[in-house]
Amino acid sequence: MLTYAQVKALALAEPLMKQLAEKENEVKNLKILLSRERQTLAEQKKELAQIDEKIKAARQRWETSIAAVDALKKYDADARKNAYQRIKSLLTDDFLISGDGSQMPMLLGMGMELPEKQDEKKPYILLKYAEQKYLVPMGDTPAGNARRVINTLKEFQKLADQDKEQLDKVVSRKEALQSLVRSPDHSYSDQLAACEKEVRRLSEQIAVRAECGAFTD
């Protein structure tokens, strides 16, 4: 392959050299794009191979959330009021940051936990039902924190709806990946093949002209 300086000099006298340089540069860029395209396809295949496990986990969580919604229906306003009284003085800043999570009571059939590593700037607790955990952000006062917990339990259907949305999202992602993997885009590959063919054609023409002395003074 000629150097850029050689190509520049020869291009003044021979337009074919300029065309060849442009096509060779196009081939280089297309190879980069094709490499990225193949890497993306490999990543998509890997994601598709693992996505059934994600769907299974998302479905289990949603089904557990629905079961929790049904279980919470048996607790009325008085039960929620009593539950509030039990925890209204518990969820202080000190307790949330460095408290003993074993002190947290069962609440309307739900477990309560502190995270293993608390976020001191944005503390939270975890509600637990059948091995699934649900984050409840905490605020500035113990009473307000207790109200947040009770409201979460009262409106647990919202969490179940979010879990259903997440399940639907993962299922849709699987369908999209299947389509992408089944019918990958070969546009860069086709363009590269055409460019390489054109490079060979131009090179052959230049070689013929060189043999005929077309590049000599």
N, C-alpha and C. Protein backbone atom coordinates (compact mmCIF):
# COMPACT_ATOMS: atom_id res chain seq x y z
N MET A 1 0.85 -1.19 0.00
CA MET A 1 0.00 0.00 0.00
C MET A 1 0.89 1.24 0.00
N LEU A 2 0.56 2.23 -0.81
CA LEU A 2 1.33 3.46 -0.88
C LEU A 2 1.12 4.30 0.36
N THR A 3 2.14 5.13 0.66
CA THR A 3 1.99 6.05 1.79
C THR A 3 1.07 7.19 1.38
N TYR A 4 0.61 7.94 2.39
CA TYR A 4 -0.29 9.05 2.11
C TYR A 4 0.40 10.08 1.22
N ALA A 5 1.69 10.36 1.52
CA ALA A 5 2.43 11.34 0.72
C ALA A 5 2.54 10.90 -0.73
N GLN A 6 2.79 9.60 -0.94
CA GLN A 6 2.87 9.09 -2.31
C GLN A 6 1.54 9.19 -3.04
N VAL A 7 0.49 8.84 -2.29
CA VAL A 7 -0.85 8.92 -2.89
C VAL A 7 -1.19 10.35 -3.25
N LYS A 8 -0.88 11.28 -2.34
CA LYS A 8 -1.18 12.69 -2.59
C LYS A 8 -0.46 13.20 -3.82
N ALA A 9 0.80 12.81 -3.94
CA ALA A 9 1.58 13.26 -5.09
C ALA A 9 1.05 12.66 -6.39
N LEU A 10 0.79 11.38 -6.35
CA LEU A 10 0.31 10.70 -7.56
C LEU A 10 -1.11 11.10 -7.94
N ALA A 11 -1.92 11.47 -6.93
CA ALA A 11 -3.32 11.81 -7.20
C ALA A 11 -3.43 13.02 -8.10
N LEU A 12 -2.43 13.90 -8.04
CA LEU A 12 -2.46 15.09 -8.88
C LEU A 12 -2.39 14.71 -10.35
N ALA A 13 -1.66 13.62 -10.62
CA ALA A 13 -1.50 13.20 -12.01
C ALA A 13 -2.41 12.04 -12.38
N GLU A 14 -2.88 11.34 -11.40
CA GLU A 14 -3.67 10.14 -11.67
C GLU A 14 -4.90 10.08 -10.75
N PRO A 15 -6.07 10.45 -11.22
CA PRO A 15 -7.29 10.43 -10.40
C PRO A 15 -7.60 9.06 -9.80
N LEU A 16 -7.17 7.99 -10.46
CA LEU A 16 -7.43 6.65 -9.93
C LEU A 16 -6.77 6.45 -8.56
N MET A 17 -5.64 7.10 -8.35
CA MET A 17 -4.96 6.96 -7.07
C MET A 17 -5.78 7.59 -5.94
N LYS A 18 -6.38 8.73 -6.25
CA LYS A 18 -7.22 9.38 -5.26
C LYS A 18 -8.43 8.50 -4.93
N GLN A 19 -9.03 7.93 -5.96
CA GLN A 19 -10.18 7.05 -5.73
C GLN A 19 -9.79 5.84 -4.89
N LEU A 20 -8.61 5.30 -5.18
CA LEU A 20 -8.14 4.15 -4.43
C LEU A 20 -7.93 4.50 -2.95
N ALA A 21 -7.31 5.65 -2.70
CA ALA A 21 -7.06 6.07 -1.32
C ALA A 21 -8.37 6.25 -0.56
N GLU A 22 -9.36 6.84 -1.24
CA GLU A 22 -10.67 7.06 -0.60
C GLU A 22 -11.34 5.73 -0.29
N LYS A 23 -11.25 4.80 -1.24
CA LYS A 23 -11.89 3.50 -1.01
C LYS A 23 -11.19 2.70 0.08
N GLU A 24 -9.87 2.78 0.12
CA GLU A 24 -9.14 2.07 1.17
C GLU A 24 -9.48 2.63 2.55
N ASN A 25 -9.66 3.94 2.63
CA ASN A 25 -10.07 4.56 3.89
C ASN A 25 -11.49 4.12 4.27
N GLU A 26 -12.35 4.01 3.26
CA GLU A 26 -13.72 3.55 3.51
C GLU A 26 -13.72 2.11 4.01
N VAL A 27 -12.86 1.27 3.44
CA VAL A 27 -12.73 -0.12 3.89
C VAL A 27 -12.31 -0.17 5.36
N LYS A 28 -11.34 0.66 5.71
CA LYS A 28 -10.86 0.70 7.09
C LYS A 28 -12.00 1.06 8.05
N ASN A 29 -12.77 2.08 7.70
CA ASN A 29 -13.88 2.50 8.57
C ASN A 29 -14.97 1.44 8.66
N LEU A 30 -15.26 0.79 7.53
CA LEU A 30 -16.28 -0.25 7.53
C LEU A 30 -15.86 -1.45 8.36
N LYS A 31 -14.59 -1.77 8.37
CA LYS A 31 -14.10 -2.87 9.20
C LYS A 31 -14.32 -2.57 10.68
N ILE A 32 -14.11 -1.32 11.06
CA ILE A 32 -14.34 -0.91 12.45
C ILE A 32 -15.82 -1.05 12.79
N LEU A 33 -16.68 -0.56 11.90
CA LEU A 33 -18.13 -0.64 12.13
C LEU A 33 -18.61 -2.08 12.16
N LEU A 34 -18.06 -2.91 11.27
CA LEU A 34 -18.46 -4.33 11.24
C LEU A 34 -18.03 -5.04 12.52
N SER A 35 -16.84 -4.71 13.02
CA SER A 35 -16.37 -5.31 14.26
C SER A 35 -17.30 -4.96 15.41
N ARG A 36 -17.72 -3.71 15.48
CA ARG A 36 -18.65 -3.28 16.52
C ARG A 36 -20.00 -3.98 16.38
N GLU A 37 -20.44 -4.12 15.13
CA GLU A 37 -21.72 -4.78 14.87
C GLU A 37 -21.67 -6.24 15.33
N ARG A 38 -20.57 -6.92 15.06
CA ARG A 38 -20.44 -8.33 15.47
C ARG A 38 -20.34 -8.44 16.99
N GLN A 39 -19.67 -7.48 17.62
CA GLN A 39 -19.58 -7.49 19.08
C GLN A 39 -20.96 -7.29 19.70
N THR A 40 -21.73 -6.37 19.12
CA THR A 40 -23.09 -6.14 19.61
C THR A 40 -23.94 -7.40 19.46
N LEU A 41 -23.82 -8.07 18.33
CA LEU A 41 -24.59 -9.30 18.10
C LEU A 41 -24.20 -10.38 19.11
N ALA A 42 -22.90 -10.50 19.41
CA ALA A 42 -22.45 -11.48 20.40
C ALA A 42 -23.02 -11.17 21.78
N GLU A 43 -23.05 -9.89 22.11
CA GLU A 43 -23.61 -9.49 23.41
C GLU A 43 -25.11 -9.77 23.47
N GLN A 44 -25.80 -9.55 22.36
CA GLN A 44 -27.23 -9.83 22.31
C GLN A 44 -27.51 -11.32 22.47
N LYS A 45 -26.69 -12.15 21.85
CA LYS A 45 -26.86 -13.60 21.98
C LYS A 45 -26.61 -14.04 23.42
N LYS A 46 -25.63 -13.45 24.06
CA LYS A 46 -25.33 -13.77 25.46
C LYS A 46 -26.49 -13.35 26.36
N GLU A 47 -27.01 -12.16 26.12
CA GLU A 47 -28.15 -11.67 26.91
C GLU A 47 -29.37 -12.57 26.72
N LEU A 48 -29.60 -12.99 25.47
CA LEU A 48 -30.75 -13.86 25.19
C LEU A 48 -30.61 -15.20 25.89
N ALA A 49 -29.38 -15.72 25.97
CA ALA A 49 -29.16 -17.01 26.62
C ALA A 49 -29.46 -16.95 28.12
N GLN A 50 -29.36 -15.77 28.70
CA GLN A 50 -29.56 -15.62 30.14
C GLN A 50 -30.92 -15.07 30.52
N ILE A 51 -31.71 -14.66 29.54
CA ILE A 51 -32.90 -13.88 29.87
C ILE A 51 -34.03 -14.72 30.46
N ASP A 52 -34.07 -16.01 30.16
CA ASP A 52 -35.13 -16.84 30.74
C ASP A 52 -35.05 -16.87 32.27
N GLU A 53 -33.84 -16.83 32.80
CA GLU A 53 -33.68 -16.79 34.25
C GLU A 53 -34.21 -15.48 34.81
N LYS A 54 -33.98 -14.38 34.07
CA LYS A 54 -34.50 -13.09 34.51
C LYS A 54 -36.03 -13.08 34.47
N ILE A 55 -36.60 -13.70 33.45
CA ILE A 55 -38.06 -13.78 33.35
C ILE A 55 -38.61 -14.60 34.50
N LYS A 56 -37.95 -15.71 34.80
CA LYS A 56 -38.39 -16.57 35.90
C LYS A 56 -38.37 -15.81 37.22
N ALA A 57 -37.29 -15.07 37.47
CA ALA A 57 -37.18 -14.31 38.72
C ALA A 57 -38.21 -13.20 38.79
N ALA A 58 -38.43 -12.52 37.66
CA ALA A 58 -39.42 -11.44 37.64
C ALA A 58 -40.83 -11.98 37.84
N ARG A 59 -41.11 -13.15 37.27
CA ARG A 59 -42.43 -13.74 37.44
C ARG A 59 -42.66 -14.19 38.89
N GLN A 60 -41.62 -14.77 39.48
CA GLN A 60 -41.74 -15.19 40.88
C GLN A 60 -41.99 -14.00 41.79
N ARG A 61 -41.30 -12.91 41.53
CA ARG A 61 -41.49 -11.72 42.36
C ARG A 61 -42.91 -11.17 42.21
N TRP A 62 -43.38 -11.09 40.96
CA TRP A 62 -44.73 -10.58 40.74
C TRP A 62 -45.77 -11.47 41.41
N GLU A 63 -45.62 -12.78 41.27
CA GLU A 63 -46.58 -13.70 41.88
C GLU A 63 -46.55 -13.59 43.41
N THR A 64 -45.37 -13.39 43.98
CA THR A 64 -45.26 -13.20 45.42
C THR A 64 -45.93 -11.89 45.83
N SER A 65 -45.74 -10.85 45.04
CA SER A 65 -46.36 -9.56 45.34
C SER A 65 -47.89 -9.66 45.31
N ILE A 66 -48.41 -10.40 44.34
CA ILE A 66 -49.86 -10.60 44.27
C ILE A 66 -50.35 -11.36 45.50
N ALA A 67 -49.58 -12.37 45.92
CA ALA A 67 -49.94 -13.13 47.12
C ALA A 67 -49.92 -12.22 48.35
N ALA A 68 -48.96 -11.31 48.42
CA ALA A 68 -48.89 -10.37 49.54
C ALA A 68 -50.09 -9.44 49.54
N VAL A 69 -50.49 -8.99 48.37
CA VAL A 69 -51.68 -8.13 48.27
C VAL A 69 -52.90 -8.86 48.83
N ASP A 70 -53.07 -10.12 48.45
CA ASP A 70 -54.21 -10.91 48.95
C ASP A 70 -54.13 -11.10 50.46
N ALA A 71 -52.92 -11.35 50.96
CA ALA A 71 -52.76 -11.56 52.40
C ALA A 71 -53.06 -10.30 53.19
N LEU A 72 -52.72 -9.15 52.66
CA LEU A 72 -52.93 -7.88 53.35
C LEU A 72 -54.39 -7.45 53.38
N LYS A 73 -55.21 -8.03 52.51
CA LYS A 73 -56.61 -7.65 52.44
C LYS A 73 -57.38 -7.98 53.72
N LYS A 74 -56.88 -8.94 54.46
CA LYS A 74 -57.60 -9.34 55.68
C LYS A 74 -57.38 -8.37 56.84
N TYR A 75 -56.48 -7.42 56.66
CA TYR A 75 -56.22 -6.44 57.72
C TYR A 75 -56.97 -5.15 57.42
N ASP A 76 -57.80 -4.72 58.38
CA ASP A 76 -58.62 -3.53 58.18
C ASP A 76 -57.91 -2.29 58.73
N ALA A 77 -58.64 -1.18 58.74
CA ALA A 77 -58.07 0.10 59.18
C ALA A 77 -57.60 0.04 60.63
N ASP A 78 -58.37 -0.67 61.48
CA ASP A 78 -57.97 -0.77 62.90
C ASP A 78 -56.66 -1.54 63.03
N ALA A 79 -56.49 -2.59 62.24
CA ALA A 79 -55.25 -3.36 62.29
C ALA A 79 -54.06 -2.50 61.84
N ARG A 80 -54.29 -1.69 60.83
CA ARG A 80 -53.21 -0.81 60.35
C ARG A 80 -52.89 0.26 61.41
N LYS A 81 -53.93 0.74 62.08
CA LYS A 81 -53.72 1.74 63.14
C LYS A 81 -52.90 1.16 64.28
N ASN A 82 -53.22 -0.05 64.67
CA ASN A 82 -52.47 -0.72 65.75
C ASN A 82 -51.02 -0.97 65.33
N ALA A 83 -50.84 -1.34 64.06
CA ALA A 83 -49.49 -1.58 63.56
C ALA A 83 -48.68 -0.29 63.58
N TYR A 84 -49.33 0.80 63.26
CA TYR A 84 -48.66 2.10 63.29
C TYR A 84 -48.20 2.44 64.70
N GLN A 85 -49.07 2.21 65.67
CA GLN A 85 -48.71 2.51 67.05
C GLN A 85 -47.52 1.69 67.51
N ARG A 86 -47.38 0.48 67.00
CA ARG A 86 -46.28 -0.40 67.41
C ARG A 86 -44.93 0.12 66.95
N ILE A 87 -44.89 0.84 65.83
CA ILE A 87 -43.59 1.22 65.26
C ILE A 87 -43.38 2.73 65.18
N LYS A 88 -44.32 3.54 65.66
CA LYS A 88 -44.21 4.98 65.43
C LYS A 88 -43.02 5.63 66.13
N SER A 89 -42.50 4.98 67.18
CA SER A 89 -41.33 5.54 67.86
C SER A 89 -40.06 4.73 67.59
N LEU A 90 -40.16 3.72 66.76
CA LEU A 90 -39.03 2.82 66.53
C LEU A 90 -38.03 3.34 65.51
N LEU A 91 -38.54 3.90 64.42
CA LEU A 91 -37.70 4.16 63.25
C LEU A 91 -37.01 5.52 63.33
N THR A 92 -36.17 5.68 64.35
CA THR A 92 -35.38 6.89 64.51
C THR A 92 -34.15 6.85 63.61
N ASP A 93 -33.50 8.00 63.47
CA ASP A 93 -32.28 8.04 62.66
C ASP A 93 -31.22 7.10 63.21
N ASP A 94 -31.04 7.13 64.53
CA ASP A 94 -30.02 6.28 65.15
C ASP A 94 -30.32 4.80 64.91
N PHE A 95 -31.59 4.43 65.05
CA PHE A 95 -31.95 3.03 64.84
C PHE A 95 -31.73 2.62 63.38
N LEU A 96 -32.10 3.49 62.45
CA LEU A 96 -31.97 3.16 61.03
C LEU A 96 -30.51 3.00 60.62
N ILE A 97 -29.62 3.79 61.23
CA ILE A 97 -28.21 3.76 60.85
C ILE A 97 -27.44 2.66 61.57
N SER A 98 -27.72 2.48 62.84
CA SER A 98 -26.90 1.54 63.61
C SER A 98 -27.71 0.63 64.53
N GLY A 99 -29.00 0.50 64.27
CA GLY A 99 -29.85 -0.30 65.13
C GLY A 99 -29.72 -1.79 64.89
N ASP A 100 -30.37 -2.55 65.74
CA ASP A 100 -30.41 -4.00 65.65
C ASP A 100 -31.68 -4.40 64.92
N GLY A 101 -31.53 -4.89 63.70
CA GLY A 101 -32.70 -5.23 62.90
C GLY A 101 -33.55 -6.33 63.50
N SER A 102 -32.98 -7.11 64.41
CA SER A 102 -33.77 -8.18 65.03
C SER A 102 -34.87 -7.63 65.93
N GLN A 103 -34.79 -6.35 66.27
CA GLN A 103 -35.82 -5.72 67.10
C GLN A 103 -37.07 -5.36 66.31
N MET A 104 -36.98 -5.46 65.01
CA MET A 104 -38.10 -5.04 64.16
C MET A 104 -39.18 -6.12 64.16
N PRO A 105 -40.42 -5.74 64.45
CA PRO A 105 -41.49 -6.72 64.58
C PRO A 105 -42.08 -7.15 63.24
N MET A 106 -42.81 -8.24 63.23
CA MET A 106 -43.66 -8.57 62.09
C MET A 106 -44.79 -7.55 62.07
N LEU A 107 -45.19 -7.18 60.88
CA LEU A 107 -46.20 -6.14 60.75
C LEU A 107 -47.22 -6.56 59.70
N LEU A 108 -48.44 -6.85 60.14
CA LEU A 108 -49.51 -7.28 59.23
C LEU A 108 -49.06 -8.46 58.36
N GLY A 109 -48.35 -9.37 58.99
CA GLY A 109 -47.90 -10.57 58.29
C GLY A 109 -46.66 -10.38 57.45
N MET A 110 -46.07 -9.19 57.50
CA MET A 110 -44.85 -8.89 56.72
C MET A 110 -43.67 -8.74 57.66
N GLY A 111 -42.51 -9.25 57.24
CA GLY A 111 -41.31 -9.03 58.01
C GLY A 111 -40.73 -7.65 57.74
N MET A 112 -39.93 -7.17 58.66
CA MET A 112 -39.24 -5.89 58.49
C MET A 112 -37.75 -6.10 58.76
N GLU A 113 -36.92 -5.51 57.92
CA GLU A 113 -35.48 -5.67 58.06
C GLU A 113 -34.76 -4.35 57.82
N LEU A 114 -33.58 -4.24 58.40
CA LEU A 114 -32.65 -3.18 58.03
C LEU A 114 -31.70 -3.73 56.97
N PRO A 115 -31.26 -2.91 56.03
CA PRO A 115 -30.30 -3.40 55.03
C PRO A 115 -28.96 -3.71 55.69
N GLU A 116 -28.21 -4.60 55.09
CA GLU A 116 -26.89 -4.94 55.63
C GLU A 116 -25.97 -3.72 55.66
N LYS A 117 -26.09 -2.88 54.64
CA LYS A 117 -25.31 -1.65 54.60
C LYS A 117 -26.26 -0.50 54.33
N GLN A 118 -26.53 0.27 55.35
CA GLN A 118 -27.50 1.35 55.24
C GLN A 118 -26.92 2.54 54.46
N ASP A 119 -27.79 3.18 53.70
CA ASP A 119 -27.45 4.43 53.02
C ASP A 119 -27.71 5.57 54.00
N GLU A 120 -26.65 6.14 54.54
CA GLU A 120 -26.83 7.14 55.60
C GLU A 120 -27.48 8.41 55.09
N LYS A 121 -27.30 8.72 53.81
CA LYS A 121 -27.92 9.93 53.25
C LYS A 121 -29.39 9.70 52.91
N LYS A 122 -29.70 8.49 52.48
CA LYS A 122 -31.09 8.15 52.12
C LYS A 122 -31.44 6.80 52.75
N PRO A 123 -31.65 6.77 54.06
CA PRO A 123 -31.92 5.50 54.74
C PRO A 123 -33.24 4.88 54.30
N TYR A 124 -33.33 3.57 54.46
CA TYR A 124 -34.55 2.84 54.09
C TYR A 124 -34.66 1.58 54.93
N ILE A 125 -35.83 0.99 54.90
CA ILE A 125 -36.01 -0.33 55.50
C ILE A 125 -36.51 -1.27 54.41
N LEU A 126 -36.55 -2.54 54.75
CA LEU A 126 -37.03 -3.55 53.82
C LEU A 126 -38.21 -4.29 54.42
N LEU A 127 -39.29 -4.35 53.68
CA LEU A 127 -40.39 -5.25 54.03
C LEU A 127 -40.13 -6.59 53.34
N LYS A 128 -40.49 -7.67 53.99
CA LYS A 128 -40.18 -8.99 53.45
C LYS A 128 -41.41 -9.88 53.47
N TYR A 129 -41.65 -10.52 52.33
CA TYR A 129 -42.75 -11.47 52.23
C TYR A 129 -42.29 -12.63 51.34
N ALA A 130 -42.29 -13.83 51.92
CA ALA A 130 -41.92 -15.04 51.17
C ALA A 130 -40.61 -14.86 50.40
N GLU A 131 -39.59 -14.39 51.07
CA GLU A 131 -38.24 -14.24 50.53
C GLU A 131 -38.06 -13.07 49.57
N GLN A 132 -39.15 -12.38 49.24
CA GLN A 132 -39.03 -11.17 48.42
C GLN A 132 -38.96 -9.95 49.33
N LYS A 133 -38.13 -8.99 48.96
CA LYS A 133 -37.94 -7.81 49.78
C LYS A 133 -38.36 -6.55 49.02
N TYR A 134 -38.92 -5.60 49.77
CA TYR A 134 -39.47 -4.38 49.19
C TYR A 134 -38.94 -3.17 49.94
N LEU A 135 -38.31 -2.28 49.22
CA LEU A 135 -37.66 -1.11 49.83
C LEU A 135 -38.69 -0.03 50.16
N VAL A 136 -38.56 0.52 51.38
CA VAL A 136 -39.41 1.64 51.81
C VAL A 136 -38.48 2.77 52.25
N PRO A 137 -38.42 3.87 51.50
CA PRO A 137 -37.56 5.00 51.88
C PRO A 137 -38.03 5.62 53.20
N MET A 138 -37.06 6.05 54.00
CA MET A 138 -37.37 6.70 55.26
C MET A 138 -37.19 8.22 55.14
N GLY A 139 -37.81 8.94 56.10
CA GLY A 139 -37.76 10.39 56.09
C GLY A 139 -37.09 10.96 57.32
N ASP A 140 -37.65 12.06 57.84
CA ASP A 140 -36.99 12.81 58.91
C ASP A 140 -37.44 12.46 60.32
N THR A 141 -38.67 11.90 60.46
CA THR A 141 -39.18 11.66 61.81
C THR A 141 -39.63 10.22 61.98
N PRO A 142 -39.52 9.66 63.18
CA PRO A 142 -39.98 8.29 63.42
C PRO A 142 -41.45 8.09 63.08
N ALA A 143 -42.30 9.05 63.49
CA ALA A 143 -43.73 8.92 63.20
C ALA A 143 -43.99 8.94 61.70
N GLY A 144 -43.27 9.83 61.00
CA GLY A 144 -43.43 9.90 59.54
C GLY A 144 -42.95 8.63 58.87
N ASN A 145 -41.87 8.06 59.41
CA ASN A 145 -41.37 6.81 58.85
C ASN A 145 -42.37 5.68 59.05
N ALA A 146 -42.98 5.65 60.23
CA ALA A 146 -43.99 4.62 60.50
C ALA A 146 -45.16 4.77 59.54
N ARG A 147 -45.55 6.01 59.28
CA ARG A 147 -46.67 6.24 58.35
C ARG A 147 -46.29 5.78 56.94
N ARG A 148 -45.04 5.98 56.55
CA ARG A 148 -44.60 5.52 55.23
C ARG A 148 -44.74 4.00 55.11
N VAL A 149 -44.37 3.30 56.17
CA VAL A 149 -44.47 1.83 56.17
C VAL A 149 -45.92 1.40 56.05
N ILE A 150 -46.78 2.00 56.86
CA ILE A 150 -48.20 1.62 56.84
C ILE A 150 -48.83 1.94 55.49
N ASN A 151 -48.50 3.09 54.92
CA ASN A 151 -49.05 3.44 53.62
C ASN A 151 -48.58 2.49 52.53
N THR A 152 -47.33 2.05 52.64
CA THR A 152 -46.82 1.06 51.68
C THR A 152 -47.62 -0.23 51.75
N LEU A 153 -47.89 -0.67 52.97
CA LEU A 153 -48.68 -1.90 53.15
C LEU A 153 -50.11 -1.71 52.65
N LYS A 154 -50.67 -0.54 52.92
CA LYS A 154 -52.04 -0.25 52.51
C LYS A 154 -52.16 -0.21 50.98
N GLU A 155 -51.12 0.28 50.33
CA GLU A 155 -51.15 0.45 48.87
C GLU A 155 -50.20 -0.53 48.18
N PHE A 156 -50.11 -1.72 48.71
CA PHE A 156 -49.14 -2.70 48.20
C PHE A 156 -49.41 -3.08 46.74
N GLN A 157 -50.64 -2.88 46.30
CA GLN A 157 -50.98 -3.19 44.91
C GLN A 157 -50.09 -2.40 43.94
N LYS A 158 -49.69 -1.20 44.34
CA LYS A 158 -48.82 -0.40 43.47
C LYS A 158 -47.48 -1.11 43.23
N LEU A 159 -46.95 -1.74 44.27
CA LEU A 159 -45.70 -2.49 44.11
C LEU A 159 -45.91 -3.70 43.20
N ALA A 160 -47.05 -4.35 43.37
CA ALA A 160 -47.35 -5.50 42.50
C ALA A 160 -47.47 -5.06 41.05
N ASP A 161 -48.08 -3.90 40.84
CA ASP A 161 -48.20 -3.38 39.47
C ASP A 161 -46.83 -3.06 38.88
N GLN A 162 -45.95 -2.50 39.69
CA GLN A 162 -44.59 -2.22 39.22
C GLN A 162 -43.86 -3.51 38.85
N ASP A 163 -44.07 -4.54 39.66
CA ASP A 163 -43.43 -5.83 39.37
C ASP A 163 -43.97 -6.44 38.07
N LYS A 164 -45.26 -6.24 37.82
CA LYS A 164 -45.85 -6.73 36.57
C LYS A 164 -45.27 -5.97 35.38
N GLU A 165 -45.09 -4.67 35.52
CA GLU A 165 -44.49 -3.88 34.45
C GLU A 165 -43.07 -4.35 34.16
N GLN A 166 -42.33 -4.66 35.21
CA GLN A 166 -40.97 -5.15 35.03
C GLN A 166 -40.96 -6.50 34.33
N LEU A 167 -41.88 -7.38 34.70
CA LEU A 167 -41.99 -8.68 34.03
C LEU A 167 -42.29 -8.49 32.55
N ASP A 168 -43.26 -7.64 32.25
CA ASP A 168 -43.62 -7.39 30.85
C ASP A 168 -42.44 -6.81 30.08
N LYS A 169 -41.67 -5.96 30.73
CA LYS A 169 -40.50 -5.35 30.10
C LYS A 169 -39.46 -6.40 29.73
N VAL A 170 -39.21 -7.34 30.64
CA VAL A 170 -38.21 -8.38 30.36
C VAL A 170 -38.70 -9.31 29.26
N VAL A 171 -39.98 -9.65 29.27
CA VAL A 171 -40.55 -10.51 28.22
C VAL A 171 -40.43 -9.81 26.87
N SER A 172 -40.73 -8.51 26.83
CA SER A 172 -40.62 -7.76 25.58
C SER A 172 -39.17 -7.70 25.10
N ARG A 173 -38.26 -7.59 26.04
CA ARG A 173 -36.84 -7.57 25.68
C ARG A 173 -36.43 -8.89 25.05
N LYS A 174 -36.93 -9.99 25.57
CA LYS A 174 -36.62 -11.29 24.99
C LYS A 174 -37.11 -11.36 23.55
N GLU A 175 -38.32 -10.89 23.30
CA GLU A 175 -38.87 -10.92 21.95
C GLU A 175 -38.04 -10.07 21.00
N ALA A 176 -37.59 -8.91 21.49
CA ALA A 176 -36.76 -8.03 20.66
C ALA A 176 -35.42 -8.69 20.34
N LEU A 177 -34.82 -9.32 21.35
CA LEU A 177 -33.53 -10.00 21.15
C LEU A 177 -33.66 -11.15 20.17
N GLN A 178 -34.74 -11.90 20.28
CA GLN A 178 -34.96 -13.02 19.36
C GLN A 178 -35.02 -12.52 17.92
N SER A 179 -35.70 -11.39 17.72
CA SER A 179 -35.81 -10.82 16.37
C SER A 179 -34.45 -10.35 15.86
N LEU A 180 -33.68 -9.70 16.74
CA LEU A 180 -32.37 -9.18 16.34
C LEU A 180 -31.39 -10.31 16.01
N VAL A 181 -31.41 -11.36 16.80
CA VAL A 181 -30.49 -12.48 16.59
C VAL A 181 -30.91 -13.31 15.38
N ARG A 182 -32.22 -13.44 15.18
CA ARG A 182 -32.73 -14.25 14.06
C ARG A 182 -32.46 -13.57 12.72
N SER A 183 -32.56 -12.25 12.69
CA SER A 183 -32.37 -11.52 11.43
C SER A 183 -31.39 -10.37 11.64
N PRO A 184 -30.11 -10.67 11.83
CA PRO A 184 -29.12 -9.61 12.07
C PRO A 184 -28.94 -8.72 10.85
N ASP A 185 -28.52 -7.51 11.10
CA ASP A 185 -28.28 -6.54 10.03
C ASP A 185 -26.92 -6.83 9.38
N HIS A 186 -26.94 -7.10 8.06
CA HIS A 186 -25.69 -7.41 7.35
C HIS A 186 -25.25 -6.24 6.47
N SER A 187 -25.77 -5.05 6.73
CA SER A 187 -25.49 -3.92 5.85
C SER A 187 -24.00 -3.59 5.79
N TYR A 188 -23.32 -3.56 6.94
CA TYR A 188 -21.89 -3.25 6.94
C TYR A 188 -21.09 -4.33 6.22
N SER A 189 -21.48 -5.57 6.41
CA SER A 189 -20.78 -6.68 5.74
C SER A 189 -20.91 -6.55 4.23
N ASP A 190 -22.11 -6.23 3.76
CA ASP A 190 -22.34 -6.08 2.32
C ASP A 190 -21.57 -4.88 1.77
N GLN A 191 -21.58 -3.78 2.51
CA GLN A 191 -20.85 -2.59 2.07
C GLN A 191 -19.35 -2.85 2.02
N LEU A 192 -18.84 -3.58 3.01
CA LEU A 192 -17.41 -3.89 3.05
C LEU A 192 -17.01 -4.75 1.85
N ALA A 193 -17.82 -5.75 1.56
CA ALA A 193 -17.51 -6.62 0.42
C ALA A 193 -17.47 -5.83 -0.88
N ALA A 194 -18.42 -4.91 -1.04
CA ALA A 194 -18.47 -4.09 -2.25
C ALA A 194 -17.26 -3.16 -2.33
N CYS A 195 -16.87 -2.58 -1.19
CA CYS A 195 -15.72 -1.68 -1.17
C CYS A 195 -14.42 -2.42 -1.47
N GLU A 196 -14.27 -3.59 -0.88
CA GLU A 196 -13.05 -4.37 -1.13
C GLU A 196 -12.97 -4.78 -2.60
N LYS A 197 -14.10 -5.09 -3.18
CA LYS A 197 -14.12 -5.42 -4.61
C LYS A 197 -13.69 -4.22 -5.44
N GLU A 198 -14.17 -3.03 -5.05
CA GLU A 198 -13.80 -1.82 -5.78
C GLU A 198 -12.31 -1.50 -5.60
N VAL A 199 -11.77 -1.75 -4.41
CA VAL A 199 -10.34 -1.55 -4.18
C VAL A 199 -9.52 -2.45 -5.10
N ARG A 200 -9.93 -3.70 -5.24
CA ARG A 200 -9.20 -4.63 -6.12
C ARG A 200 -9.27 -4.15 -7.57
N ARG A 201 -10.44 -3.68 -7.96
CA ARG A 201 -10.60 -3.21 -9.35
C ARG A 201 -9.69 -2.00 -9.63
N LEU A 202 -9.70 -1.05 -8.70
CA LEU A 202 -8.87 0.14 -8.88
C LEU A 202 -7.38 -0.21 -8.86
N SER A 203 -7.01 -1.11 -7.97
CA SER A 203 -5.60 -1.53 -7.88
C SER A 203 -5.15 -2.18 -9.18
N GLU A 204 -6.00 -3.01 -9.76
CA GLU A 204 -5.66 -3.66 -11.02
C GLU A 204 -5.50 -2.64 -12.15
N GLN A 205 -6.39 -1.65 -12.18
CA GLN A 205 -6.31 -0.62 -13.21
C GLN A 205 -5.03 0.19 -13.06
N ILE A 206 -4.70 0.52 -11.80
CA ILE A 206 -3.48 1.30 -11.54
C ILE A 206 -2.24 0.49 -11.93
N ALA A 207 -2.25 -0.80 -11.62
CA ALA A 207 -1.11 -1.66 -11.96
C ALA A 207 -0.91 -1.71 -13.48
N VAL A 208 -2.01 -1.82 -14.21
CA VAL A 208 -1.93 -1.86 -15.67
C VAL A 208 -1.36 -0.56 -16.22
N ARG A 209 -1.83 0.56 -15.67
CA ARG A 209 -1.35 1.87 -16.13
C ARG A 209 0.12 2.05 -15.78
N ALA A 210 0.51 1.51 -14.61
CA ALA A 210 1.91 1.63 -14.21
C ALA A 210 2.80 0.86 -15.18
N GLU A 211 2.35 -0.31 -15.58
CA GLU A 211 3.14 -1.12 -16.52
C GLU A 211 3.28 -0.43 -17.87
N CYS A 212 2.27 0.37 -18.19
CA CYS A 212 2.28 1.07 -19.47
C CYS A 212 3.03 2.40 -19.39
N GLY A 213 3.53 2.71 -18.17
CA GLY A 213 4.30 3.93 -18.01
C GLY A 213 3.45 5.18 -17.85
N ALA A 214 2.20 4.99 -17.40
CA ALA A 214 1.30 6.14 -17.29
C ALA A 214 1.71 7.08 -16.18
N PHE A 215 2.51 6.61 -15.21
CA PHE A 215 2.88 7.44 -14.08
C PHE A 215 4.25 8.08 -14.25
N THR A 216 4.84 7.90 -15.44
CA THR A 216 6.17 8.47 -15.67
C THR A 216 6.07 9.78 -16.40
N ASP A 217 7.09 10.62 -16.25
CA ASP A 217 7.09 11.91 -16.95
C ASP A 217 7.37 11.72 -18.45
